[in-house]
Amino acid sequence: MSSDPAGCTATGAAFSGQEKVTCQLGDVASQAVGEVRLTVQLDANFRPADSPDAPEVVNTARVSADTADPDLSNNSASARGVPGGVAEPEADLAVTKTFDPATPGPVSPGETFSYLVTVTNRGPADADRRFTVTDTPPTQVTVLSYTDARTGKPLDCTVDGPTRTCPLGDRLKSGDTVVTRMTVRLDPGYAGNGADIRNKAEVYARNPDPDLTNNTDTLRGLPNPDCADPKADPAGPECPGKPGKPGKPGKPKSTLVVSVDNDLQLKTPGDHQLTEFRVVDNGPSTTREPATLRITSAKELTVHDASGLPAECRVESPHVIVCQIPAGLRPATATQSDRKVYTTRLQRSDTDPAAPGGLTVQGEVKVGYTGPDGPAETAAPWRTTFLPPQAALVATKQAVAPADGQPVTVSNPFDYVITVTDKGISAARNVAVTDPLPVGLVFAGSTTGCQAADQTVTCPTHDPLPLGATVTMRISAELAPSYRGNGSDLLNTATVRSDTGDPVQASAGLDGIKVTAQQETPTPLPPPVRTTRCARAPGPRGWPASAPW
């Protein structure tokens, strides 16, 4: 408040409705006029109720004197309203965009950083209607959160494409500020120098704003502690002594991790194994250089073939696969639809049919790549534990007539041919064949090393008998001199045993394998052929007069 003439005094709080102004006019002559001009300020927060003329604003002045006044009814006068009406209050809102000091940079692709948006009301009036900030982040970043920087409370923003419009409240007093924080992630595959990254913020209110030039602010580049001016052009020399450096991203950083699907498998010797190998980039950046995946198996496993391998893989040896992983592997920090996982798909390995049960073997898968500090590698084991082996022996026995085509006699032997085949999964260990010859036959030799003890013929042990392999044993037999039948009663059974279990026999409680094969003599024999020798004169050895041949 000011007055003309000066000298008026005010008591009571301003804008309270209790403020009182007192002016001393001194002596006023009869018929003279004393005048006081008061200049007042309208409360910045006042809003007319119904009409811009504000009829609810009533100012009443009262006059009094030491001299008696015969008519007190004209000692007061009132004025209603505001001359010219009440204009909409002006609030000069200004916005400033800076990098958050908590994320000073440099920022590598895939890493996060924050922008701070500061809105200040420079007056003169309060911004008493809804005011908002509109933020258009660059396409090279992904917005993770938009919050009140003081409270951390998320803002209720609406999204229209890349633009976010966020209400900041219904009133911002003159001189007050509000700060928001937008946290973003730089694209993991970003390969620019920061010059193309621009973030624009705008502030709006429904109050008239006397200065619109400060309602928009744009920040370029990326946080960089080398640059004193956060608004320097990242492609220019605005930072003294640091030409071209401010606002540039940090160098890409990638950390690759290798994993094995089902890294411990239980397998029967001779069975095949399916294994998938994966490589994931734990970021934060997309890989810029190719990586090398090397899969090494234990000697008990061999690569089946290369037909199921990706085109970038090759079989280096029966136990080694090498894959060249192309650059561009996006990290796990990217959105799930964007993330890339390198996989070899299911690869088949053949296990050693002769591996012992209970054995655990280990291979290694290793990926070599360019890490944040140069060449790096990570590895993971993959293991196979062998279950008890399972063989399935099949034995056949065949009697073969004498080579000369003549009947079997005491001096014309025939052969039993015994074949044993492993048709199981695993190699058969310690395969042994025994053949107890029936009474009436005499062991006459073996071209495959079989030996006889009395009537029992035992053939050499085969260890191992490989999966799918067949071994043949040949036993020659001839009629015993005392035999008088025609051969139909000569039933011969051979038995094959192995230390390796058979799943069928194992279910019956048998340990190992026992297989039998039987066969009669080649053809029914004619009546025994007897040969009579002429008597000889007694000699050193002596001959009987006659004997069966």
Protein backbone atom coordinates (compact mmCIF):
# COMPACT_ATOMS: atom_id res chain seq x y z
CA MET A 1 0.00 0.00 0.00
CA SER A 2 1.11 3.49 -0.70
CA SER A 3 -0.63 6.81 -0.21
CA ASP A 4 -0.66 10.29 -1.65
CA PRO A 5 -0.05 12.37 0.27
CA ALA A 6 2.32 10.19 2.21
CA GLY A 7 1.86 9.58 5.87
CA CYS A 8 -0.88 7.00 5.94
CA THR A 9 -0.17 3.97 8.12
CA ALA A 10 -1.47 0.44 7.92
CA THR A 11 -2.10 -2.01 10.72
CA GLY A 12 -3.11 -5.68 10.55
CA ALA A 13 -1.97 -8.44 8.22
CA ALA A 14 -1.99 -7.84 4.51
CA PHE A 15 -4.65 -9.69 2.50
CA SER A 16 -6.33 -10.78 5.73
CA GLY A 17 -9.42 -8.55 5.49
CA GLN A 18 -8.36 -7.00 8.81
CA GLU A 19 -5.82 -4.55 7.47
CA LYS A 20 -6.68 -0.92 8.42
CA VAL A 21 -5.19 2.24 6.87
CA THR A 22 -5.24 5.50 8.86
CA CYS A 23 -4.48 8.86 7.24
CA GLN A 24 -4.10 12.17 9.14
CA LEU A 25 -5.46 15.08 7.01
CA GLY A 26 -4.97 17.81 9.60
CA ASP A 27 -7.39 20.79 9.68
CA VAL A 28 -9.87 21.06 6.82
CA ALA A 29 -11.53 24.43 6.29
CA SER A 30 -15.29 24.73 5.89
CA GLN A 31 -16.33 23.86 2.36
CA ALA A 32 -12.81 22.65 1.60
CA VAL A 33 -11.99 19.17 0.27
CA GLY A 34 -9.33 16.87 1.69
CA GLU A 35 -8.27 14.00 -0.61
CA VAL A 36 -6.17 10.89 -0.09
CA ARG A 37 -5.12 8.50 -2.85
CA LEU A 38 -4.37 4.93 -1.71
CA THR A 39 -2.60 2.49 -4.05
CA VAL A 40 -3.23 -1.12 -3.16
CA GLN A 41 -2.13 -4.53 -4.44
CA LEU A 42 -4.56 -7.28 -5.27
CA ASP A 43 -3.81 -10.58 -3.60
CA ALA A 44 -2.06 -12.76 -6.17
CA ASN A 45 -4.16 -15.70 -5.07
CA PHE A 46 -7.48 -13.85 -5.40
CA ARG A 47 -9.87 -15.20 -7.98
CA PRO A 48 -13.23 -13.54 -8.69
CA ALA A 49 -16.14 -15.72 -7.67
CA ASP A 50 -18.55 -14.93 -10.48
CA SER A 51 -17.61 -11.83 -12.44
CA PRO A 52 -14.21 -10.46 -13.50
CA ASP A 53 -15.41 -7.13 -11.95
CA ALA A 54 -15.13 -8.85 -8.56
CA PRO A 55 -18.18 -7.22 -6.86
CA GLU A 56 -17.29 -9.11 -3.74
CA VAL A 57 -14.32 -6.76 -3.26
CA VAL A 58 -15.76 -3.92 -1.14
CA ASN A 59 -13.63 -1.13 0.31
CA THR A 60 -15.16 1.20 2.91
CA ALA A 61 -13.60 4.47 4.09
CA ARG A 62 -14.69 6.33 7.22
CA VAL A 63 -13.89 9.90 8.29
CA SER A 64 -13.82 11.34 11.76
CA ALA A 65 -12.76 14.66 13.34
CA ASP A 66 -12.32 16.21 16.74
CA THR A 67 -15.02 18.73 15.84
CA ALA A 68 -18.62 17.67 16.46
CA ASP A 69 -20.39 16.44 13.30
CA PRO A 70 -24.16 17.09 13.13
CA ASP A 71 -24.67 14.33 10.43
CA LEU A 72 -22.80 11.05 10.82
CA SER A 73 -24.70 9.28 8.05
CA ASN A 74 -22.41 10.65 5.38
CA ASN A 75 -19.16 9.91 7.24
CA SER A 76 -18.50 6.68 5.32
CA ALA A 77 -18.41 5.68 1.68
CA SER A 78 -17.78 2.33 -0.11
CA ALA A 79 -16.43 1.27 -3.49
CA ARG A 80 -17.34 -2.15 -4.92
CA GLY A 81 -15.36 -4.19 -7.45
CA VAL A 82 -12.00 -3.76 -9.10
CA PRO A 83 -11.55 -1.03 -11.70
CA GLY A 84 -11.33 -2.63 -15.11
CA GLY A 85 -11.99 -6.08 -13.64
CA VAL A 86 -9.58 -8.74 -12.41
CA ALA A 87 -7.32 -10.17 -15.09
CA GLU A 88 -6.20 -13.82 -15.04
CA PRO A 89 -3.12 -13.95 -12.76
CA GLU A 90 0.17 -14.47 -14.54
CA ALA A 91 2.67 -17.13 -13.53
CA ASP A 92 6.00 -17.30 -15.31
CA LEU A 93 6.90 -20.97 -15.35
CA ALA A 94 10.43 -21.88 -16.41
CA VAL A 95 11.88 -25.35 -17.08
CA THR A 96 15.49 -26.49 -16.91
CA LYS A 97 16.71 -29.90 -17.96
CA THR A 98 20.01 -31.31 -16.63
CA PHE A 99 21.71 -34.64 -16.15
CA ASP A 100 21.29 -36.16 -12.72
CA PRO A 101 24.57 -35.76 -10.78
CA ALA A 102 23.93 -39.23 -9.35
CA THR A 103 24.62 -40.70 -12.82
CA PRO A 104 27.64 -38.67 -13.99
CA GLY A 105 28.66 -41.01 -16.81
CA PRO A 106 30.24 -41.82 -19.08
CA VAL A 107 27.33 -44.06 -20.09
CA SER A 108 28.03 -47.23 -22.05
CA PRO A 109 25.37 -48.68 -24.35
CA GLY A 110 22.84 -50.57 -22.25
CA GLU A 111 23.59 -48.64 -19.04
CA THR A 112 21.11 -46.38 -17.24
CA PHE A 113 21.24 -42.70 -16.39
CA SER A 114 18.78 -40.02 -15.29
CA TYR A 115 17.58 -36.60 -16.39
CA LEU A 116 16.38 -33.97 -13.89
CA VAL A 117 13.60 -31.60 -14.96
CA THR A 118 13.30 -28.52 -12.72
CA VAL A 119 10.18 -26.37 -12.99
CA THR A 120 10.28 -22.95 -11.27
CA ASN A 121 7.44 -20.46 -10.83
CA ARG A 122 8.97 -17.01 -11.24
CA GLY A 123 5.69 -15.33 -10.37
CA PRO A 124 4.16 -12.96 -9.92
CA ALA A 125 1.13 -15.16 -9.19
CA ASP A 126 0.87 -18.72 -8.05
CA ALA A 127 0.30 -21.27 -10.77
CA ASP A 128 -2.99 -22.28 -9.26
CA ARG A 129 -4.35 -24.36 -12.03
CA ARG A 130 -3.20 -27.76 -13.20
CA PHE A 131 0.36 -27.54 -14.59
CA THR A 132 2.18 -30.27 -16.48
CA VAL A 133 5.57 -31.12 -17.92
CA THR A 134 5.85 -32.78 -21.31
CA ASP A 135 9.02 -34.78 -21.93
CA THR A 136 10.06 -36.22 -25.26
CA PRO A 137 12.98 -38.60 -24.67
CA PRO A 138 15.24 -39.52 -27.59
CA THR A 139 14.52 -42.68 -29.50
CA GLN A 140 17.92 -44.07 -28.47
CA VAL A 141 16.79 -44.56 -24.88
CA THR A 142 14.09 -46.55 -23.10
CA VAL A 143 12.26 -44.84 -20.23
CA LEU A 144 12.39 -46.93 -17.07
CA SER A 145 10.70 -44.54 -14.61
CA TYR A 146 9.45 -40.98 -14.18
CA THR A 147 9.25 -39.87 -10.56
CA ASP A 148 9.13 -36.93 -8.19
CA ALA A 149 12.83 -36.38 -7.47
CA ARG A 150 12.18 -35.45 -3.84
CA THR A 151 9.77 -38.21 -2.83
CA GLY A 152 10.51 -40.91 -5.40
CA LYS A 153 6.79 -41.27 -6.04
CA PRO A 154 5.96 -42.28 -9.62
CA LEU A 155 4.21 -39.64 -11.68
CA ASP A 156 0.92 -40.44 -13.36
CA CYS A 157 2.03 -39.76 -16.92
CA THR A 158 0.19 -40.38 -20.15
CA VAL A 159 2.20 -41.75 -23.05
CA ASP A 160 1.70 -40.76 -26.67
CA GLY A 161 4.41 -42.40 -28.74
CA PRO A 162 7.73 -41.27 -27.28
CA THR A 163 6.15 -38.27 -25.48
CA ARG A 164 5.16 -38.35 -21.82
CA THR A 165 2.83 -35.76 -20.33
CA CYS A 166 3.01 -35.69 -16.55
CA PRO A 167 0.80 -33.57 -14.22
CA LEU A 168 2.87 -32.00 -11.47
CA GLY A 169 0.06 -30.66 -9.30
CA ASP A 170 -2.66 -28.03 -8.98
CA ARG A 171 -0.65 -25.22 -7.41
CA LEU A 172 2.94 -24.04 -7.55
CA LYS A 173 3.50 -20.99 -5.44
CA SER A 174 5.44 -18.08 -6.77
CA GLY A 175 9.13 -18.72 -6.15
CA ASP A 176 8.73 -22.46 -5.59
CA THR A 177 10.22 -25.27 -7.67
CA VAL A 178 9.40 -28.88 -8.39
CA VAL A 179 11.97 -31.42 -9.66
CA THR A 180 11.22 -34.63 -11.57
CA ARG A 181 13.58 -37.46 -12.46
CA MET A 182 13.38 -39.51 -15.63
CA THR A 183 15.54 -42.66 -15.56
CA VAL A 184 16.36 -44.18 -18.93
CA ARG A 185 18.52 -46.91 -20.45
CA LEU A 186 20.69 -46.22 -23.46
CA ASP A 187 20.01 -48.74 -26.22
CA PRO A 188 22.44 -51.69 -25.84
CA GLY A 189 23.25 -51.50 -29.54
CA TYR A 190 23.80 -47.73 -29.69
CA ALA A 191 26.82 -46.96 -31.87
CA GLY A 192 26.66 -43.15 -32.19
CA ASN A 193 28.78 -40.43 -30.59
CA GLY A 194 25.95 -38.84 -28.59
CA ALA A 195 25.39 -35.94 -30.99
CA ASP A 196 22.08 -37.40 -32.13
CA ILE A 197 20.65 -37.74 -28.61
CA ARG A 198 18.38 -34.81 -27.70
CA ASN A 199 15.86 -34.65 -24.89
CA LYS A 200 13.26 -31.89 -24.85
CA ALA A 201 11.10 -30.85 -21.89
CA GLU A 202 8.23 -28.34 -21.90
CA VAL A 203 6.11 -26.97 -19.06
CA TYR A 204 2.56 -25.68 -19.32
CA ALA A 205 -0.02 -24.19 -16.98
CA ARG A 206 -3.49 -22.80 -17.45
CA ASN A 207 -2.41 -19.46 -16.02
CA PRO A 208 -1.22 -16.86 -18.51
CA ASP A 209 2.56 -16.99 -18.77
CA PRO A 210 4.26 -13.64 -19.42
CA ASP A 211 7.42 -15.27 -20.81
CA LEU A 212 7.13 -18.34 -23.00
CA THR A 213 10.77 -18.38 -24.01
CA ASN A 214 11.74 -20.27 -20.86
CA ASN A 215 9.01 -22.90 -21.09
CA THR A 216 11.17 -25.28 -23.15
CA ASP A 217 14.62 -26.69 -22.59
CA THR A 218 16.60 -29.23 -24.62
CA LEU A 219 19.56 -31.27 -23.44
CA ARG A 220 21.88 -32.91 -25.92
CA GLY A 221 24.33 -35.77 -25.64
CA LEU A 222 25.01 -38.02 -22.66
CA PRO A 223 26.34 -37.45 -19.15
CA ASN A 224 30.07 -37.00 -19.21
CA PRO A 225 32.13 -35.87 -16.19
CA ASP A 226 34.75 -34.37 -18.54
CA CYS A 227 32.33 -31.71 -19.68
CA ALA A 228 31.75 -28.76 -17.37
CA ASP A 229 28.87 -27.48 -19.49
CA PRO A 230 26.07 -30.08 -19.50
CA LYS A 231 24.50 -28.39 -22.52
CA ALA A 232 27.61 -28.45 -24.66
CA ASP A 233 27.27 -29.90 -28.13
CA PRO A 234 28.71 -33.43 -27.84
CA ALA A 235 30.11 -33.11 -31.34
CA GLY A 236 31.76 -29.75 -30.73
CA PRO A 237 34.61 -28.27 -28.70
CA GLU A 238 32.47 -26.43 -26.14
CA CYS A 239 34.34 -28.03 -23.21
CA PRO A 240 37.78 -26.40 -23.00
CA GLY A 241 40.56 -28.88 -23.53
CA LYS A 242 38.12 -31.70 -24.32
CA PRO A 243 37.28 -31.23 -28.01
CA GLY A 244 34.81 -33.77 -29.27
CA LYS A 245 34.64 -35.67 -25.97
CA PRO A 246 31.69 -34.25 -24.02
CA GLY A 247 28.50 -36.22 -24.18
CA LYS A 248 29.98 -39.25 -25.85
CA PRO A 249 29.01 -42.75 -24.67
CA GLY A 250 31.42 -44.98 -22.81
CA LYS A 251 32.92 -47.97 -24.58
CA PRO A 252 30.61 -50.98 -25.06
CA LYS A 253 30.64 -53.56 -22.28
CA SER A 254 29.56 -57.18 -22.74
CA THR A 255 29.81 -60.17 -20.43
CA LEU A 256 28.92 -63.53 -21.99
CA VAL A 257 27.70 -66.46 -19.93
CA VAL A 258 27.49 -70.02 -21.23
CA SER A 259 25.03 -72.59 -19.94
CA VAL A 260 24.15 -76.20 -20.65
CA ASP A 261 20.63 -77.56 -20.87
CA ASN A 262 20.52 -80.59 -18.56
CA ASP A 263 24.18 -80.37 -17.57
CA LEU A 264 24.10 -83.75 -15.76
CA GLN A 265 22.60 -86.66 -17.65
CA LEU A 266 22.24 -90.31 -16.71
CA LYS A 267 22.93 -92.56 -19.65
CA THR A 268 23.31 -96.26 -20.35
CA PRO A 269 26.63 -96.99 -22.08
CA GLY A 270 26.01 -97.06 -25.83
CA ASP A 271 22.98 -94.78 -25.64
CA HIS A 272 23.01 -91.35 -27.32
CA GLN A 273 22.85 -88.06 -25.45
CA LEU A 274 21.13 -84.83 -26.53
CA THR A 275 22.56 -81.59 -25.15
CA GLU A 276 21.82 -77.95 -25.94
CA PHE A 277 24.40 -75.23 -25.31
CA ARG A 278 23.38 -71.59 -24.88
CA VAL A 279 25.23 -68.28 -24.69
CA VAL A 280 23.63 -65.22 -23.09
CA ASP A 281 24.98 -61.68 -23.06
CA ASN A 282 24.63 -60.26 -19.54
CA GLY A 283 25.44 -56.89 -20.99
CA PRO A 284 25.02 -54.15 -20.61
CA SER A 285 25.93 -53.69 -24.28
CA THR A 286 25.26 -55.66 -27.43
CA THR A 287 28.33 -57.60 -28.56
CA ARG A 288 30.35 -55.77 -31.21
CA GLU A 289 32.76 -58.59 -32.09
CA PRO A 290 32.20 -62.29 -32.91
CA ALA A 291 32.61 -64.79 -30.08
CA THR A 292 33.98 -68.33 -30.21
CA LEU A 293 32.12 -71.20 -28.56
CA ARG A 294 34.19 -74.34 -27.98
CA ILE A 295 32.44 -77.52 -26.82
CA THR A 296 34.73 -80.29 -25.59
CA SER A 297 33.35 -83.68 -24.59
CA ALA A 298 34.91 -86.40 -22.46
CA LYS A 299 36.61 -89.22 -24.36
CA GLU A 300 33.64 -91.49 -23.56
CA LEU A 301 31.40 -89.28 -25.76
CA THR A 302 31.84 -88.61 -29.45
CA VAL A 303 30.13 -86.19 -31.80
CA HIS A 304 27.50 -88.08 -33.79
CA ASP A 305 27.77 -85.94 -36.95
CA ALA A 306 27.62 -82.31 -38.08
CA SER A 307 24.18 -82.47 -39.71
CA GLY A 308 22.35 -80.88 -36.76
CA LEU A 309 24.81 -78.07 -36.18
CA PRO A 310 24.15 -74.42 -37.05
CA ALA A 311 25.95 -73.21 -40.17
CA GLU A 312 28.53 -71.32 -38.14
CA CYS A 313 29.62 -74.48 -36.29
CA ARG A 314 32.04 -77.20 -37.33
CA VAL A 315 33.29 -80.51 -35.93
CA GLU A 316 36.97 -80.04 -35.18
CA SER A 317 37.52 -83.58 -33.85
CA PRO A 318 35.36 -86.45 -32.58
CA HIS A 319 35.29 -84.70 -29.21
CA VAL A 320 35.31 -80.98 -30.13
CA ILE A 321 32.74 -78.65 -31.75
CA VAL A 322 33.64 -75.02 -32.51
CA CYS A 323 31.05 -72.30 -33.28
CA GLN A 324 31.69 -68.72 -34.37
CA ILE A 325 28.91 -66.64 -32.79
CA PRO A 326 28.19 -63.54 -34.90
CA ALA A 327 28.33 -60.06 -33.36
CA GLY A 328 25.02 -58.48 -32.35
CA LEU A 329 24.07 -60.65 -29.37
CA ARG A 330 21.71 -58.42 -27.39
CA PRO A 331 21.93 -58.56 -23.62
CA ALA A 332 19.48 -59.80 -21.04
CA THR A 333 18.84 -56.21 -19.99
CA ALA A 334 16.97 -55.63 -23.23
CA THR A 335 13.26 -56.33 -23.41
CA GLN A 336 12.41 -60.01 -23.70
CA SER A 337 11.25 -59.64 -27.31
CA ASP A 338 14.50 -57.87 -28.12
CA ARG A 339 16.88 -60.16 -26.31
CA LYS A 340 18.90 -62.71 -28.24
CA VAL A 341 20.10 -66.07 -26.91
CA TYR A 342 22.56 -68.02 -28.98
CA THR A 343 21.84 -71.75 -29.04
CA THR A 344 23.45 -74.71 -30.74
CA ARG A 345 20.11 -76.51 -30.66
CA LEU A 346 20.09 -80.10 -29.40
CA GLN A 347 23.34 -81.82 -30.31
CA ARG A 348 23.70 -85.60 -30.34
CA SER A 349 26.66 -87.35 -28.77
CA ASP A 350 27.19 -91.11 -28.82
CA THR A 351 28.35 -92.65 -25.57
CA ASP A 352 30.97 -95.37 -25.34
CA PRO A 353 29.19 -98.75 -25.25
CA ALA A 354 32.06 -100.15 -23.15
CA ALA A 355 31.94 -97.44 -20.46
CA PRO A 356 31.60 -98.94 -16.97
CA GLY A 357 28.46 -98.28 -14.97
CA GLY A 358 28.79 -95.69 -12.22
CA LEU A 359 31.43 -93.68 -14.07
CA THR A 360 30.91 -89.90 -14.22
CA VAL A 361 32.73 -88.05 -16.99
CA GLN A 362 32.94 -84.31 -17.57
CA GLY A 363 33.22 -82.11 -20.61
CA GLU A 364 33.59 -78.34 -20.88
CA VAL A 365 31.90 -75.64 -22.90
CA LYS A 366 33.80 -72.36 -23.17
CA VAL A 367 33.04 -69.04 -24.86
CA GLY A 368 35.76 -66.56 -25.73
CA TYR A 369 34.80 -62.96 -26.48
CA THR A 370 35.85 -59.32 -26.23
CA GLY A 371 34.99 -58.06 -22.75
CA PRO A 372 35.12 -54.57 -21.19
CA ASP A 373 38.84 -54.97 -20.51
CA GLY A 374 39.86 -56.97 -23.57
CA PRO A 375 39.80 -60.71 -24.36
CA ALA A 376 37.74 -62.73 -21.88
CA GLU A 377 36.20 -66.17 -21.55
CA THR A 378 33.75 -68.04 -19.40
CA ALA A 379 33.26 -71.79 -19.11
CA ALA A 380 30.80 -74.29 -17.72
CA PRO A 381 31.05 -78.06 -17.17
CA TRP A 382 28.67 -80.67 -18.50
CA ARG A 383 28.64 -84.17 -17.05
CA THR A 384 27.42 -87.64 -17.86
CA THR A 385 26.98 -90.43 -15.33
CA PHE A 386 26.78 -93.93 -16.77
CA LEU A 387 24.12 -96.31 -15.54
CA PRO A 388 24.84 -100.05 -15.41
CA PRO A 389 25.44 -101.25 -18.99
CA GLN A 390 22.77 -103.25 -20.76
CA ALA A 391 23.63 -105.93 -23.32
CA ALA A 392 21.32 -108.34 -25.11
CA LEU A 393 23.12 -111.46 -26.28
CA VAL A 394 21.55 -113.65 -28.91
CA ALA A 395 23.07 -117.13 -29.46
CA THR A 396 22.46 -119.54 -32.31
CA LYS A 397 23.80 -123.06 -32.81
CA GLN A 398 23.99 -125.02 -35.98
CA ALA A 399 25.25 -128.52 -36.66
CA VAL A 400 27.23 -128.76 -39.87
CA ALA A 401 27.59 -132.10 -41.66
CA PRO A 402 31.05 -133.49 -42.39
CA ALA A 403 32.80 -131.71 -45.22
CA ASP A 404 33.14 -134.94 -47.23
CA GLY A 405 29.37 -135.41 -47.33
CA GLN A 406 29.64 -138.82 -45.70
CA PRO A 407 27.66 -139.88 -42.64
CA VAL A 408 28.93 -139.06 -39.20
CA THR A 409 31.00 -141.91 -37.83
CA VAL A 410 33.46 -142.48 -35.07
CA SER A 411 36.13 -141.35 -37.48
CA ASN A 412 34.18 -138.76 -39.52
CA PRO A 413 33.41 -135.77 -37.19
CA PHE A 414 30.96 -132.95 -37.74
CA ASP A 415 30.98 -129.33 -36.40
CA TYR A 416 28.78 -127.33 -34.09
CA VAL A 417 28.89 -123.64 -35.12
CA ILE A 418 27.88 -121.29 -32.26
CA THR A 419 27.33 -117.56 -32.98
CA VAL A 420 26.83 -114.91 -30.31
CA THR A 421 25.62 -111.36 -31.21
CA ASP A 422 25.20 -108.35 -28.90
CA LYS A 423 21.94 -106.68 -29.85
CA GLY A 424 21.65 -104.53 -26.72
CA ILE A 425 22.69 -100.95 -25.96
CA SER A 426 26.06 -101.55 -24.34
CA ALA A 427 29.09 -103.71 -25.05
CA ALA A 428 29.01 -107.12 -23.38
CA ARG A 429 31.87 -107.83 -21.00
CA ASN A 430 33.55 -111.22 -20.42
CA VAL A 431 31.42 -113.21 -22.86
CA ALA A 432 32.02 -116.95 -22.29
CA VAL A 433 30.55 -120.01 -24.04
CA THR A 434 30.36 -123.49 -22.54
CA ASP A 435 29.02 -126.55 -24.29
CA PRO A 436 28.55 -129.79 -22.38
CA LEU A 437 28.61 -132.46 -25.09
CA PRO A 438 26.00 -135.19 -24.66
CA VAL A 439 27.07 -138.73 -23.91
CA GLY A 440 27.57 -140.31 -27.27
CA LEU A 441 29.74 -137.53 -28.63
CA VAL A 442 33.44 -136.99 -28.19
CA PHE A 443 35.23 -133.61 -28.53
CA ALA A 444 37.29 -133.73 -31.72
CA GLY A 445 38.90 -130.27 -31.69
CA SER A 446 38.15 -126.63 -32.36
CA THR A 447 39.47 -124.17 -34.93
CA THR A 448 38.46 -121.26 -32.63
CA GLY A 449 40.43 -122.27 -29.56
CA CYS A 450 37.77 -124.08 -27.57
CA GLN A 451 39.03 -126.68 -25.09
CA ALA A 452 37.37 -129.73 -23.51
CA ALA A 453 37.53 -131.10 -20.00
CA ASP A 454 35.74 -134.43 -20.04
CA GLN A 455 32.45 -133.69 -21.80
CA THR A 456 32.45 -129.92 -21.11
CA VAL A 457 33.80 -127.69 -23.86
CA THR A 458 34.87 -124.16 -22.88
CA CYS A 459 35.58 -121.50 -25.50
CA PRO A 460 37.85 -118.45 -25.12
CA THR A 461 36.37 -115.42 -23.29
CA HIS A 462 35.61 -112.37 -25.44
CA ASP A 463 35.98 -109.01 -23.65
CA PRO A 464 34.40 -106.82 -24.70
CA LEU A 465 31.96 -107.94 -27.32
CA PRO A 466 31.16 -104.63 -29.02
CA LEU A 467 27.62 -103.49 -29.61
CA GLY A 468 26.27 -105.18 -32.76
CA ALA A 469 29.30 -107.46 -33.10
CA THR A 470 29.12 -111.23 -33.64
CA VAL A 471 31.61 -113.83 -32.49
CA THR A 472 31.65 -117.35 -33.92
CA MET A 473 32.95 -120.52 -32.21
CA ARG A 474 33.37 -123.89 -33.91
CA ILE A 475 33.45 -127.18 -32.04
CA SER A 476 34.13 -130.49 -33.78
CA ALA A 477 32.61 -133.68 -32.39
CA GLU A 478 32.56 -137.32 -33.39
CA LEU A 479 30.62 -140.34 -32.26
CA ALA A 480 31.81 -142.17 -29.21
CA PRO A 481 32.96 -145.72 -30.03
CA SER A 482 30.24 -147.09 -27.79
CA TYR A 483 27.39 -145.15 -29.38
CA ARG A 484 24.71 -147.34 -30.98
CA GLY A 485 21.91 -144.83 -31.79
CA ASN A 486 20.92 -143.03 -34.98
CA GLY A 487 21.74 -139.49 -33.68
CA SER A 488 18.18 -138.36 -32.93
CA ASP A 489 18.87 -138.62 -29.21
CA LEU A 490 21.97 -136.46 -29.34
CA LEU A 491 20.63 -133.06 -28.12
CA ASN A 492 23.35 -130.53 -27.51
CA THR A 493 22.86 -127.22 -25.61
CA ALA A 494 25.45 -124.45 -25.42
CA THR A 495 25.33 -121.67 -22.80
CA VAL A 496 26.60 -118.08 -23.21
CA ARG A 497 27.30 -115.98 -20.14
CA SER A 498 28.36 -112.32 -19.71
CA ASP A 499 29.07 -110.01 -16.78
CA THR A 500 26.93 -107.34 -18.46
CA GLY A 501 23.27 -107.32 -17.49
CA ASP A 502 20.35 -107.83 -19.78
CA PRO A 503 17.28 -105.67 -19.03
CA VAL A 504 14.94 -108.58 -19.69
CA GLN A 505 16.81 -111.05 -17.52
CA ALA A 506 17.47 -108.37 -14.91
CA SER A 507 13.71 -107.98 -14.48
CA ALA A 508 13.58 -111.67 -13.64
CA GLY A 509 16.23 -111.28 -10.96
CA LEU A 510 19.15 -112.76 -12.94
CA ASP A 511 22.61 -111.29 -12.64
CA GLY A 512 24.50 -110.95 -15.91
CA ILE A 513 23.38 -112.80 -19.00
CA LYS A 514 22.82 -116.51 -19.65
CA VAL A 515 21.75 -117.54 -23.14
CA THR A 516 21.33 -121.09 -24.37
CA ALA A 517 21.25 -122.53 -27.87
CA GLN A 518 20.59 -126.18 -28.71
CA GLN A 519 20.86 -128.29 -31.79
CA GLU A 520 20.54 -131.95 -32.74
CA THR A 521 23.09 -133.73 -34.82
CA PRO A 522 23.07 -132.75 -38.49
CA THR A 523 20.96 -135.68 -39.79
CA PRO A 524 19.61 -138.90 -38.34
CA LEU A 525 22.43 -141.35 -38.42
CA PRO A 526 22.29 -144.71 -40.17
CA PRO A 527 22.89 -147.70 -37.98
CA PRO A 528 26.36 -147.44 -36.51
CA VAL A 529 28.98 -148.35 -39.01
CA ARG A 530 31.37 -150.94 -37.77
CA THR A 531 34.60 -151.86 -39.48
CA THR A 532 36.21 -155.24 -38.94
CA ARG A 533 39.92 -155.43 -39.08
CA CYS A 534 41.78 -158.53 -39.87
CA ALA A 535 43.70 -160.06 -37.12
CA ARG A 536 47.32 -159.36 -37.17
CA ALA A 537 50.16 -161.07 -35.68
CA PRO A 538 50.90 -159.80 -32.28
CA GLY A 539 53.26 -156.95 -32.56
CA PRO A 540 54.68 -154.30 -30.32
CA ARG A 541 51.39 -152.44 -30.16
CA GLY A 542 49.03 -155.29 -30.59
CA TRP A 543 45.67 -155.08 -32.34
CA PRO A 544 42.46 -156.67 -31.27
CA ALA A 545 40.88 -158.98 -33.64
CA SER A 546 38.10 -156.51 -34.26
CA ALA A 547 37.09 -153.05 -32.95
CA PRO A 548 34.56 -150.42 -33.85
CA TRP A 549 36.17 -147.87 -36.16
